């Protein structure tokens, strides 16, 4: 559930983030109405706590997945929430790219999409890796809330087999597993970002 969310939500969020950056005023694909609409949408969705979001999009989940409970429904909600979260992180990291590098590519006649693919995203790759590492931790956190709709995962394991059966050992095993997963992800993300930024 978490890995599928990172894969699909990560790609959709990357696309949305690039679009946000490109359509903003002065961007490579400047289009103020599009940027305003997308920016408003992201600002509306991101502040909603996931435990509320997962139930609020119930009608959409039912239409798309045929159910509002279970792992499929939880994964659908996770992917949507992750997409909006990733998009803002991508946009913020792309803003930090040196405008001089983009202007140099433009002066050589590169098209906007070529600049995005070969200059903008590669230049921001290190910070983007750190951003995706942060999103991994956030998705693990959100996946635990999926227990509200019987969404499975470690959160379900901790609540069903630990809390509801008064077995604190099970609960702490789930907690320890989450901590180890997050530490491994953070270590890997930091290592990859360092390697990319030293190229």
N, C-alpha and C. Protein backbone atom coordinates (compact mmCIF):
# COMPACT_ATOMS: atom_id res chain seq x y z
N UNK A 1 0.83 -1.20 0.00
CA UNK A 1 0.00 0.00 0.00
C UNK A 1 0.87 1.27 0.00
N UNK A 2 1.87 1.29 0.87
CA UNK A 2 2.75 2.47 0.95
C UNK A 2 3.60 2.60 -0.31
N UNK A 3 4.16 1.48 -0.78
CA UNK A 3 5.03 1.54 -1.97
C UNK A 3 4.23 1.92 -3.22
N UNK A 4 3.03 1.36 -3.36
CA UNK A 4 2.18 1.71 -4.51
C UNK A 4 1.81 3.19 -4.46
N UNK A 5 1.54 3.68 -3.27
CA UNK A 5 1.22 5.11 -3.10
C UNK A 5 2.41 5.97 -3.51
N UNK A 6 3.60 5.57 -3.08
CA UNK A 6 4.79 6.35 -3.42
C UNK A 6 5.04 6.35 -4.92
N UNK A 7 4.82 5.19 -5.54
CA UNK A 7 5.08 5.08 -6.98
C UNK A 7 4.08 5.93 -7.78
N UNK A 8 2.79 5.68 -7.59
CA UNK A 8 1.78 6.39 -8.39
C UNK A 8 1.64 7.84 -7.93
N UNK A 9 1.50 8.04 -6.63
CA UNK A 9 1.37 9.41 -6.10
C UNK A 9 2.61 10.23 -6.38
N UNK A 10 3.79 9.57 -6.34
CA UNK A 10 5.03 10.28 -6.62
C UNK A 10 5.10 10.78 -8.05
N UNK A 11 4.68 9.92 -8.99
CA UNK A 11 4.71 10.32 -10.40
C UNK A 11 3.67 11.40 -10.70
N UNK A 12 2.44 11.19 -10.18
CA UNK A 12 1.39 12.19 -10.41
C UNK A 12 1.77 13.52 -9.75
N UNK A 13 2.34 13.44 -8.57
CA UNK A 13 2.75 14.66 -7.86
C UNK A 13 3.88 15.37 -8.58
N UNK A 14 4.79 14.59 -9.18
CA UNK A 14 5.87 15.20 -9.96
C UNK A 14 5.30 15.98 -11.14
N UNK A 15 4.35 15.36 -11.84
CA UNK A 15 3.73 16.03 -12.98
C UNK A 15 2.99 17.29 -12.56
N UNK A 16 2.22 17.19 -11.48
CA UNK A 16 1.46 18.34 -11.00
C UNK A 16 2.39 19.45 -10.50
N UNK A 17 3.47 19.04 -9.84
CA UNK A 17 4.44 20.03 -9.34
C UNK A 17 5.14 20.76 -10.47
N UNK A 18 5.52 20.02 -11.51
CA UNK A 18 6.15 20.64 -12.69
C UNK A 18 5.18 21.61 -13.35
N UNK A 19 3.91 21.20 -13.43
CA UNK A 19 2.88 22.06 -14.03
C UNK A 19 2.68 23.33 -13.20
N UNK A 20 2.68 23.18 -11.89
CA UNK A 20 2.56 24.34 -11.01
C UNK A 20 3.72 25.32 -11.23
N UNK A 21 4.92 24.76 -11.28
CA UNK A 21 6.10 25.61 -11.47
C UNK A 21 6.11 26.24 -12.86
N UNK A 22 5.75 25.46 -13.86
CA UNK A 22 5.82 25.96 -15.23
C UNK A 22 4.80 27.03 -15.56
N UNK A 23 3.58 26.90 -14.97
CA UNK A 23 2.51 27.83 -15.34
C UNK A 23 2.49 29.08 -14.47
N UNK A 24 3.32 29.12 -13.42
CA UNK A 24 3.33 30.32 -12.58
C UNK A 24 3.86 31.51 -13.37
N UNK A 25 3.62 32.72 -12.85
CA UNK A 25 4.06 33.94 -13.54
C UNK A 25 5.58 33.90 -13.76
N UNK A 26 6.01 34.05 -14.98
CA UNK A 26 7.43 34.01 -15.31
C UNK A 26 7.93 32.60 -15.58
N UNK A 27 7.05 31.60 -15.48
CA UNK A 27 7.46 30.20 -15.70
C UNK A 27 7.62 29.87 -17.17
N UNK A 28 8.13 28.67 -17.42
CA UNK A 28 8.38 28.25 -18.80
C UNK A 28 7.08 28.10 -19.59
N UNK A 29 5.99 27.75 -18.92
CA UNK A 29 4.69 27.56 -19.58
C UNK A 29 3.67 28.54 -19.01
N UNK A 30 4.09 29.74 -18.74
CA UNK A 30 3.26 30.71 -18.01
C UNK A 30 1.79 30.71 -18.46
N UNK A 31 0.93 30.47 -17.51
CA UNK A 31 -0.52 30.50 -17.76
C UNK A 31 -1.18 30.79 -16.41
N UNK A 32 -1.40 32.04 -16.13
CA UNK A 32 -1.86 32.45 -14.80
C UNK A 32 -3.19 31.81 -14.39
N UNK A 33 -4.22 31.74 -15.29
CA UNK A 33 -5.47 31.08 -14.87
C UNK A 33 -5.27 29.62 -14.46
N UNK A 34 -4.46 28.88 -15.24
CA UNK A 34 -4.20 27.48 -14.90
C UNK A 34 -3.48 27.38 -13.57
N UNK A 35 -2.45 28.21 -13.39
CA UNK A 35 -1.70 28.19 -12.14
C UNK A 35 -2.60 28.52 -10.95
N UNK A 36 -3.44 29.55 -11.13
CA UNK A 36 -4.32 29.97 -10.03
C UNK A 36 -5.27 28.84 -9.63
N UNK A 37 -5.84 28.15 -10.64
CA UNK A 37 -6.75 27.05 -10.35
C UNK A 37 -6.04 25.89 -9.66
N UNK A 38 -4.88 25.50 -10.18
CA UNK A 38 -4.13 24.39 -9.58
C UNK A 38 -3.65 24.74 -8.18
N UNK A 39 -3.16 25.97 -8.02
CA UNK A 39 -2.65 26.40 -6.72
C UNK A 39 -3.77 26.39 -5.67
N UNK A 40 -4.95 26.85 -6.08
CA UNK A 40 -6.09 26.85 -5.17
C UNK A 40 -6.48 25.43 -4.78
N UNK A 41 -6.50 24.54 -5.78
CA UNK A 41 -6.86 23.14 -5.52
C UNK A 41 -5.90 22.49 -4.52
N UNK A 42 -4.61 22.70 -4.75
CA UNK A 42 -3.60 22.12 -3.84
C UNK A 42 -3.74 22.71 -2.44
N UNK A 43 -3.97 24.01 -2.37
CA UNK A 43 -4.12 24.66 -1.06
C UNK A 43 -5.38 24.20 -0.32
N UNK A 44 -6.40 23.81 -1.08
CA UNK A 44 -7.63 23.33 -0.44
C UNK A 44 -7.48 21.92 0.10
N UNK A 45 -6.75 21.07 -0.63
CA UNK A 45 -6.66 19.65 -0.25
C UNK A 45 -5.61 19.40 0.83
N UNK A 46 -4.44 20.05 0.71
CA UNK A 46 -3.31 19.73 1.59
C UNK A 46 -3.59 19.89 3.09
N UNK A 47 -4.34 20.91 3.53
CA UNK A 47 -4.49 21.07 4.99
C UNK A 47 -5.46 20.07 5.63
N UNK A 48 -6.20 19.31 4.82
CA UNK A 48 -7.20 18.41 5.41
C UNK A 48 -6.51 17.23 6.10
N UNK A 49 -6.75 17.01 7.37
CA UNK A 49 -6.15 15.84 8.05
C UNK A 49 -6.58 14.56 7.35
N UNK A 50 -5.65 13.61 7.23
CA UNK A 50 -5.94 12.42 6.40
C UNK A 50 -7.11 11.61 6.93
N UNK A 51 -7.27 11.57 8.24
CA UNK A 51 -8.37 10.77 8.81
C UNK A 51 -9.73 11.33 8.37
N UNK A 52 -9.78 12.65 8.12
CA UNK A 52 -11.01 13.28 7.61
C UNK A 52 -11.07 13.14 6.09
N UNK A 53 -9.92 13.35 5.44
CA UNK A 53 -9.86 13.27 3.98
C UNK A 53 -10.31 11.90 3.47
N UNK A 54 -9.88 10.84 4.15
CA UNK A 54 -10.17 9.49 3.69
C UNK A 54 -11.68 9.19 3.71
N UNK A 55 -12.39 9.86 4.61
CA UNK A 55 -13.85 9.67 4.65
C UNK A 55 -14.56 10.70 3.76
N UNK A 56 -13.99 11.91 3.65
CA UNK A 56 -14.64 12.96 2.86
C UNK A 56 -14.70 12.62 1.37
N UNK A 57 -13.71 11.88 0.88
CA UNK A 57 -13.72 11.53 -0.55
C UNK A 57 -14.40 10.19 -0.80
N UNK A 58 -15.18 9.76 0.16
CA UNK A 58 -15.90 8.48 0.04
C UNK A 58 -16.66 8.33 -1.28
N UNK A 59 -17.47 9.32 -1.69
CA UNK A 59 -18.21 9.17 -2.95
C UNK A 59 -17.28 8.96 -4.16
N UNK A 60 -16.16 9.70 -4.18
CA UNK A 60 -15.21 9.53 -5.28
C UNK A 60 -14.55 8.15 -5.23
N UNK A 61 -14.21 7.72 -4.02
CA UNK A 61 -13.60 6.40 -3.85
C UNK A 61 -14.56 5.30 -4.29
N UNK A 62 -15.83 5.46 -3.94
CA UNK A 62 -16.85 4.47 -4.32
C UNK A 62 -16.97 4.38 -5.83
N UNK A 63 -16.96 5.55 -6.48
CA UNK A 63 -17.08 5.57 -7.96
C UNK A 63 -15.86 4.95 -8.63
N UNK A 64 -14.68 5.23 -8.07
CA UNK A 64 -13.44 4.76 -8.71
C UNK A 64 -13.10 3.32 -8.37
N UNK A 65 -13.33 2.93 -7.11
CA UNK A 65 -12.87 1.61 -6.66
C UNK A 65 -14.02 0.63 -6.38
N UNK A 66 -15.25 1.14 -6.35
CA UNK A 66 -16.40 0.27 -6.11
C UNK A 66 -16.63 -0.03 -4.64
N UNK A 67 -15.85 0.56 -3.76
CA UNK A 67 -16.01 0.34 -2.32
C UNK A 67 -15.38 1.51 -1.56
N UNK A 68 -15.84 1.70 -0.33
CA UNK A 68 -15.24 2.76 0.50
C UNK A 68 -14.48 2.18 1.70
N UNK A 69 -14.38 0.88 1.76
CA UNK A 69 -13.62 0.26 2.85
C UNK A 69 -12.60 -0.73 2.28
N UNK A 70 -11.61 -1.03 3.09
CA UNK A 70 -10.60 -2.02 2.67
C UNK A 70 -9.35 -1.38 2.10
N UNK A 71 -8.42 -2.26 1.71
CA UNK A 71 -7.10 -1.82 1.26
C UNK A 71 -7.18 -1.01 -0.03
N UNK A 72 -8.05 -1.43 -0.98
CA UNK A 72 -8.15 -0.70 -2.25
C UNK A 72 -8.61 0.74 -2.02
N UNK A 73 -9.63 0.90 -1.19
CA UNK A 73 -10.15 2.24 -0.90
C UNK A 73 -9.10 3.09 -0.19
N UNK A 74 -8.40 2.49 0.76
CA UNK A 74 -7.37 3.24 1.50
C UNK A 74 -6.23 3.65 0.58
N UNK A 75 -5.82 2.74 -0.31
CA UNK A 75 -4.72 3.05 -1.23
C UNK A 75 -5.12 4.19 -2.17
N UNK A 76 -6.35 4.17 -2.66
CA UNK A 76 -6.84 5.24 -3.54
C UNK A 76 -6.75 6.59 -2.84
N UNK A 77 -7.23 6.65 -1.60
CA UNK A 77 -7.18 7.91 -0.84
C UNK A 77 -5.74 8.34 -0.57
N UNK A 78 -4.88 7.38 -0.26
CA UNK A 78 -3.47 7.68 0.00
C UNK A 78 -2.80 8.28 -1.24
N UNK A 79 -3.11 7.69 -2.41
CA UNK A 79 -2.49 8.18 -3.65
C UNK A 79 -2.91 9.62 -3.93
N UNK A 80 -4.19 9.92 -3.75
CA UNK A 80 -4.65 11.29 -4.00
C UNK A 80 -3.98 12.27 -3.03
N UNK A 81 -3.98 11.92 -1.74
CA UNK A 81 -3.37 12.80 -0.74
C UNK A 81 -1.88 12.99 -1.02
N UNK A 82 -1.19 11.89 -1.37
CA UNK A 82 0.25 11.98 -1.64
C UNK A 82 0.53 12.83 -2.87
N UNK A 83 -0.34 12.72 -3.89
CA UNK A 83 -0.14 13.50 -5.12
C UNK A 83 -0.08 15.00 -4.81
N UNK A 84 -1.03 15.47 -4.01
CA UNK A 84 -1.06 16.90 -3.69
C UNK A 84 0.12 17.29 -2.80
N UNK A 85 0.49 16.41 -1.87
CA UNK A 85 1.64 16.70 -1.01
C UNK A 85 2.94 16.77 -1.81
N UNK A 86 3.13 15.78 -2.70
CA UNK A 86 4.35 15.74 -3.51
C UNK A 86 4.41 16.95 -4.44
N UNK A 87 3.28 17.35 -5.01
CA UNK A 87 3.28 18.44 -5.98
C UNK A 87 3.85 19.72 -5.38
N UNK A 88 3.47 20.02 -4.14
CA UNK A 88 3.98 21.25 -3.51
C UNK A 88 5.47 21.14 -3.24
N UNK A 89 5.92 19.97 -2.80
CA UNK A 89 7.36 19.78 -2.55
C UNK A 89 8.15 19.92 -3.84
N UNK A 90 7.63 19.34 -4.93
CA UNK A 90 8.31 19.44 -6.22
C UNK A 90 8.38 20.89 -6.67
N UNK A 91 7.25 21.60 -6.58
CA UNK A 91 7.22 23.01 -7.01
C UNK A 91 8.25 23.83 -6.22
N UNK A 92 8.27 23.65 -4.89
CA UNK A 92 9.18 24.43 -4.05
C UNK A 92 10.64 24.15 -4.39
N UNK A 93 10.95 22.89 -4.70
CA UNK A 93 12.35 22.56 -5.02
C UNK A 93 12.74 23.06 -6.41
N UNK A 94 11.80 23.08 -7.35
CA UNK A 94 12.11 23.59 -8.68
C UNK A 94 12.34 25.10 -8.65
N UNK A 95 11.65 25.78 -7.76
CA UNK A 95 11.83 27.23 -7.63
C UNK A 95 13.27 27.57 -7.24
N UNK A 96 13.91 26.66 -6.51
CA UNK A 96 15.26 26.94 -6.00
C UNK A 96 16.34 26.79 -7.07
N UNK A 97 15.97 26.28 -8.26
CA UNK A 97 16.98 26.11 -9.33
C UNK A 97 17.42 27.48 -9.84
N UNK A 98 18.72 27.62 -10.06
CA UNK A 98 19.30 28.88 -10.53
C UNK A 98 18.66 29.32 -11.86
N UNK A 99 18.00 30.49 -11.90
CA UNK A 99 17.38 30.94 -13.15
C UNK A 99 18.39 31.09 -14.29
N UNK A 100 19.65 31.34 -13.96
CA UNK A 100 20.67 31.51 -14.99
C UNK A 100 20.85 30.24 -15.81
N UNK A 101 20.72 29.08 -15.18
CA UNK A 101 20.86 27.80 -15.89
C UNK A 101 19.74 27.66 -16.91
N UNK A 102 18.52 28.05 -16.50
CA UNK A 102 17.35 27.96 -17.40
C UNK A 102 17.50 28.95 -18.55
N UNK A 103 17.96 30.16 -18.23
CA UNK A 103 18.14 31.18 -19.27
C UNK A 103 19.19 30.73 -20.29
N UNK A 104 20.23 30.05 -19.81
CA UNK A 104 21.27 29.56 -20.72
C UNK A 104 20.69 28.53 -21.68
N UNK A 105 19.83 27.65 -21.14
CA UNK A 105 19.20 26.63 -22.01
C UNK A 105 18.26 27.29 -23.01
N UNK A 106 17.55 28.32 -22.56
CA UNK A 106 16.63 29.03 -23.47
C UNK A 106 17.41 29.72 -24.59
N UNK A 107 18.56 30.29 -24.21
CA UNK A 107 19.36 31.01 -25.22
C UNK A 107 19.90 30.06 -26.29
N UNK A 108 19.99 28.76 -25.94
CA UNK A 108 20.46 27.78 -26.93
C UNK A 108 19.31 27.19 -27.74
N UNK A 109 18.10 27.72 -27.49
CA UNK A 109 16.95 27.31 -28.30
C UNK A 109 16.21 26.08 -27.81
N UNK A 110 16.48 25.64 -26.58
CA UNK A 110 15.79 24.45 -26.06
C UNK A 110 14.32 24.77 -25.80
N UNK A 111 13.44 23.81 -26.09
CA UNK A 111 12.01 24.00 -25.86
C UNK A 111 11.71 23.91 -24.36
N UNK A 112 10.56 24.46 -23.93
CA UNK A 112 10.23 24.40 -22.49
C UNK A 112 10.24 22.98 -21.92
N UNK A 113 9.65 22.02 -22.65
CA UNK A 113 9.60 20.65 -22.12
C UNK A 113 10.98 20.02 -22.07
N UNK A 114 11.85 20.39 -23.04
CA UNK A 114 13.21 19.86 -23.00
C UNK A 114 13.98 20.44 -21.81
N UNK A 115 13.74 21.72 -21.54
CA UNK A 115 14.41 22.34 -20.38
C UNK A 115 13.94 21.68 -19.09
N UNK A 116 12.64 21.39 -19.03
CA UNK A 116 12.11 20.73 -17.82
C UNK A 116 12.77 19.37 -17.62
N UNK A 117 12.87 18.58 -18.72
CA UNK A 117 13.38 17.21 -18.63
C UNK A 117 14.90 17.15 -18.43
N UNK A 118 15.62 18.04 -19.09
CA UNK A 118 17.09 17.90 -19.09
C UNK A 118 17.82 18.91 -18.21
N UNK A 119 17.12 19.95 -17.76
CA UNK A 119 17.79 20.96 -16.94
C UNK A 119 17.11 21.12 -15.57
N UNK A 120 15.83 21.44 -15.61
CA UNK A 120 15.13 21.80 -14.37
C UNK A 120 15.08 20.65 -13.36
N UNK A 121 14.52 19.52 -13.77
CA UNK A 121 14.39 18.38 -12.84
C UNK A 121 15.76 17.83 -12.44
N UNK A 122 16.71 17.62 -13.38
CA UNK A 122 18.03 17.13 -12.95
C UNK A 122 18.73 18.08 -11.98
N UNK A 123 18.60 19.39 -12.18
CA UNK A 123 19.25 20.36 -11.29
C UNK A 123 18.68 20.29 -9.86
N UNK A 124 17.39 19.93 -9.76
CA UNK A 124 16.75 19.88 -8.44
C UNK A 124 16.69 18.46 -7.88
N UNK A 125 17.39 17.52 -8.51
CA UNK A 125 17.23 16.10 -8.15
C UNK A 125 17.58 15.80 -6.69
N UNK A 126 18.69 16.36 -6.20
CA UNK A 126 19.10 16.09 -4.81
C UNK A 126 18.02 16.51 -3.81
N UNK A 127 17.59 17.78 -3.84
CA UNK A 127 16.52 18.20 -2.94
C UNK A 127 15.22 17.43 -3.16
N UNK A 128 14.95 17.03 -4.42
CA UNK A 128 13.74 16.26 -4.68
C UNK A 128 13.79 14.90 -3.98
N UNK A 129 14.97 14.28 -3.97
CA UNK A 129 15.11 12.98 -3.28
C UNK A 129 14.81 13.15 -1.79
N UNK A 130 15.33 14.24 -1.20
CA UNK A 130 15.04 14.50 0.22
C UNK A 130 13.55 14.76 0.43
N UNK A 131 12.92 15.45 -0.53
CA UNK A 131 11.49 15.70 -0.44
C UNK A 131 10.68 14.42 -0.50
N UNK A 132 11.08 13.51 -1.39
CA UNK A 132 10.37 12.23 -1.49
C UNK A 132 10.59 11.38 -0.22
N UNK A 133 11.76 11.52 0.39
CA UNK A 133 12.01 10.82 1.65
C UNK A 133 11.04 11.31 2.73
N UNK A 134 10.84 12.63 2.75
CA UNK A 134 9.89 13.20 3.69
C UNK A 134 8.48 12.68 3.42
N UNK A 135 8.12 12.57 2.13
CA UNK A 135 6.80 12.08 1.78
C UNK A 135 6.63 10.62 2.21
N UNK A 136 7.69 9.82 2.11
CA UNK A 136 7.61 8.42 2.55
C UNK A 136 7.18 8.35 4.01
N UNK A 137 7.83 9.17 4.82
CA UNK A 137 7.49 9.20 6.26
C UNK A 137 6.03 9.63 6.44
N UNK A 138 5.61 10.62 5.66
CA UNK A 138 4.22 11.10 5.77
C UNK A 138 3.23 10.03 5.34
N UNK A 139 3.57 9.27 4.29
CA UNK A 139 2.66 8.22 3.81
C UNK A 139 2.56 7.09 4.84
N UNK A 140 3.67 6.73 5.47
CA UNK A 140 3.63 5.72 6.53
C UNK A 140 2.70 6.19 7.65
N UNK A 141 2.83 7.46 7.99
CA UNK A 141 1.97 8.05 9.02
C UNK A 141 0.50 8.00 8.60
N UNK A 142 0.21 8.39 7.36
CA UNK A 142 -1.17 8.40 6.88
C UNK A 142 -1.73 6.98 6.78
N UNK A 143 -0.88 6.02 6.39
CA UNK A 143 -1.37 4.65 6.23
C UNK A 143 -1.88 4.08 7.55
N UNK A 144 -1.29 4.55 8.66
CA UNK A 144 -1.76 4.08 9.97
C UNK A 144 -3.19 4.55 10.23
N UNK A 145 -3.55 5.74 9.69
CA UNK A 145 -4.91 6.26 9.88
C UNK A 145 -5.92 5.49 9.04
N UNK A 146 -5.43 4.74 8.05
CA UNK A 146 -6.34 3.98 7.18
C UNK A 146 -7.08 2.89 7.94
N UNK A 147 -6.67 2.65 9.17
CA UNK A 147 -7.39 1.68 10.00
C UNK A 147 -8.86 2.09 10.16
N UNK A 148 -9.14 3.39 9.99
CA UNK A 148 -10.51 3.90 10.14
C UNK A 148 -11.46 3.26 9.13
N UNK A 149 -10.93 2.84 7.96
CA UNK A 149 -11.80 2.20 6.96
C UNK A 149 -11.33 0.76 6.69
N UNK A 150 -10.73 0.19 7.71
CA UNK A 150 -10.25 -1.20 7.61
C UNK A 150 -9.25 -1.34 6.47
N UNK A 151 -8.32 -0.38 6.43
CA UNK A 151 -7.39 -0.29 5.30
C UNK A 151 -6.17 -1.19 5.38
N UNK A 152 -6.04 -2.00 6.42
CA UNK A 152 -4.91 -2.92 6.51
C UNK A 152 -3.63 -2.21 6.92
N UNK A 153 -2.50 -2.89 6.71
CA UNK A 153 -1.20 -2.31 7.03
C UNK A 153 -0.83 -2.44 8.50
N UNK A 154 0.27 -1.81 8.87
CA UNK A 154 0.77 -1.92 10.23
C UNK A 154 -0.18 -1.28 11.25
N UNK A 155 -0.86 -0.20 10.83
CA UNK A 155 -1.81 0.45 11.73
C UNK A 155 -2.94 -0.51 12.10
N UNK A 156 -3.46 -1.21 11.10
CA UNK A 156 -4.53 -2.19 11.35
C UNK A 156 -4.03 -3.30 12.27
N UNK A 157 -2.80 -3.75 12.01
CA UNK A 157 -2.19 -4.82 12.82
C UNK A 157 -2.07 -4.37 14.28
N UNK A 158 -1.59 -3.13 14.47
CA UNK A 158 -1.38 -2.63 15.83
C UNK A 158 -2.70 -2.47 16.59
N UNK A 159 -3.72 -1.98 15.89
CA UNK A 159 -5.00 -1.74 16.56
C UNK A 159 -5.78 -3.04 16.78
N UNK A 160 -5.87 -3.86 15.72
CA UNK A 160 -6.69 -5.08 15.81
C UNK A 160 -6.08 -6.13 16.73
N UNK A 161 -4.78 -6.38 16.51
CA UNK A 161 -4.15 -7.46 17.28
C UNK A 161 -3.45 -6.97 18.55
N UNK A 162 -3.25 -5.65 18.65
CA UNK A 162 -2.60 -5.11 19.85
C UNK A 162 -3.59 -4.42 20.77
N UNK A 163 -4.05 -3.25 20.35
CA UNK A 163 -4.90 -2.42 21.22
C UNK A 163 -6.20 -3.12 21.60
N UNK A 164 -6.92 -3.67 20.61
CA UNK A 164 -8.23 -4.27 20.90
C UNK A 164 -8.13 -5.58 21.68
N UNK A 165 -6.98 -6.23 21.67
CA UNK A 165 -6.79 -7.48 22.43
C UNK A 165 -5.91 -7.26 23.65
N UNK A 166 -5.63 -5.99 23.95
CA UNK A 166 -4.82 -5.64 25.13
C UNK A 166 -3.46 -6.33 25.12
N UNK A 167 -2.93 -6.52 23.91
CA UNK A 167 -1.61 -7.14 23.78
C UNK A 167 -0.60 -6.04 23.40
N UNK A 168 0.02 -5.44 24.42
CA UNK A 168 0.92 -4.32 24.18
C UNK A 168 2.18 -4.74 23.44
N UNK A 169 2.54 -6.00 23.57
CA UNK A 169 3.73 -6.47 22.84
C UNK A 169 3.53 -6.32 21.34
N UNK A 170 2.34 -6.71 20.86
CA UNK A 170 2.04 -6.60 19.43
C UNK A 170 2.07 -5.14 19.00
N UNK A 171 1.48 -4.28 19.83
CA UNK A 171 1.46 -2.85 19.50
C UNK A 171 2.88 -2.30 19.38
N UNK A 172 3.72 -2.66 20.32
CA UNK A 172 5.09 -2.15 20.29
C UNK A 172 5.92 -2.74 19.17
N UNK A 173 5.62 -3.98 18.77
CA UNK A 173 6.30 -4.56 17.61
C UNK A 173 5.96 -3.75 16.36
N UNK A 174 4.68 -3.35 16.23
CA UNK A 174 4.25 -2.54 15.08
C UNK A 174 4.94 -1.17 15.12
N UNK A 175 5.00 -0.57 16.31
CA UNK A 175 5.65 0.73 16.45
C UNK A 175 7.13 0.63 16.08
N UNK A 176 7.79 -0.39 16.60
CA UNK A 176 9.22 -0.58 16.32
C UNK A 176 9.47 -0.80 14.83
N UNK A 177 8.59 -1.57 14.20
CA UNK A 177 8.73 -1.82 12.75
C UNK A 177 8.62 -0.52 11.97
N UNK A 178 7.65 0.33 12.34
CA UNK A 178 7.50 1.62 11.66
C UNK A 178 8.74 2.49 11.86
N UNK A 179 9.26 2.52 13.06
CA UNK A 179 10.44 3.34 13.35
C UNK A 179 11.63 2.87 12.51
N UNK A 180 11.83 1.54 12.43
CA UNK A 180 12.95 1.00 11.65
C UNK A 180 12.78 1.33 10.17
N UNK A 181 11.56 1.17 9.65
CA UNK A 181 11.29 1.48 8.24
C UNK A 181 11.61 2.95 7.92
N UNK A 182 11.17 3.82 8.81
CA UNK A 182 11.39 5.26 8.59
C UNK A 182 12.89 5.58 8.65
N UNK A 183 13.60 4.98 9.61
CA UNK A 183 15.04 5.23 9.73
C UNK A 183 15.78 4.76 8.49
N UNK A 184 15.41 3.57 7.98
CA UNK A 184 16.05 3.05 6.77
C UNK A 184 15.78 3.96 5.58
N UNK A 185 14.53 4.42 5.46
CA UNK A 185 14.17 5.31 4.34
C UNK A 185 14.93 6.62 4.44
N UNK A 186 15.02 7.18 5.64
CA UNK A 186 15.74 8.45 5.82
C UNK A 186 17.22 8.30 5.51
N UNK A 187 17.81 7.20 5.97
CA UNK A 187 19.24 6.96 5.69
C UNK A 187 19.47 6.82 4.19
N UNK A 188 18.62 6.03 3.53
CA UNK A 188 18.76 5.82 2.08
C UNK A 188 18.57 7.13 1.31
N UNK A 189 17.54 7.90 1.70
CA UNK A 189 17.29 9.18 1.04
C UNK A 189 18.45 10.14 1.20
N UNK A 190 18.98 10.25 2.42
CA UNK A 190 20.12 11.14 2.66
C UNK A 190 21.34 10.71 1.84
N UNK A 191 21.58 9.40 1.78
CA UNK A 191 22.73 8.87 1.04
C UNK A 191 22.61 9.16 -0.46
N UNK A 192 21.42 8.90 -1.00
CA UNK A 192 21.20 9.16 -2.42
C UNK A 192 21.33 10.65 -2.76
N UNK A 193 20.75 11.49 -1.91
CA UNK A 193 20.80 12.94 -2.15
C UNK A 193 22.24 13.43 -2.12
N UNK A 194 23.04 12.93 -1.16
CA UNK A 194 24.45 13.35 -1.08
C UNK A 194 25.21 12.96 -2.35
N UNK A 195 24.96 11.75 -2.83
CA UNK A 195 25.64 11.28 -4.05
C UNK A 195 25.26 12.13 -5.26
N UNK A 196 23.97 12.44 -5.37
CA UNK A 196 23.50 13.23 -6.51
C UNK A 196 24.06 14.64 -6.46
N UNK A 197 24.09 15.25 -5.28
CA UNK A 197 24.53 16.64 -5.17
C UNK A 197 26.05 16.79 -5.30
N UNK A 198 26.80 15.67 -5.18
CA UNK A 198 28.27 15.74 -5.33
C UNK A 198 28.71 15.47 -6.76
N UNK A 199 27.75 15.22 -7.69
CA UNK A 199 28.15 14.91 -9.07
C UNK A 199 28.98 16.05 -9.66
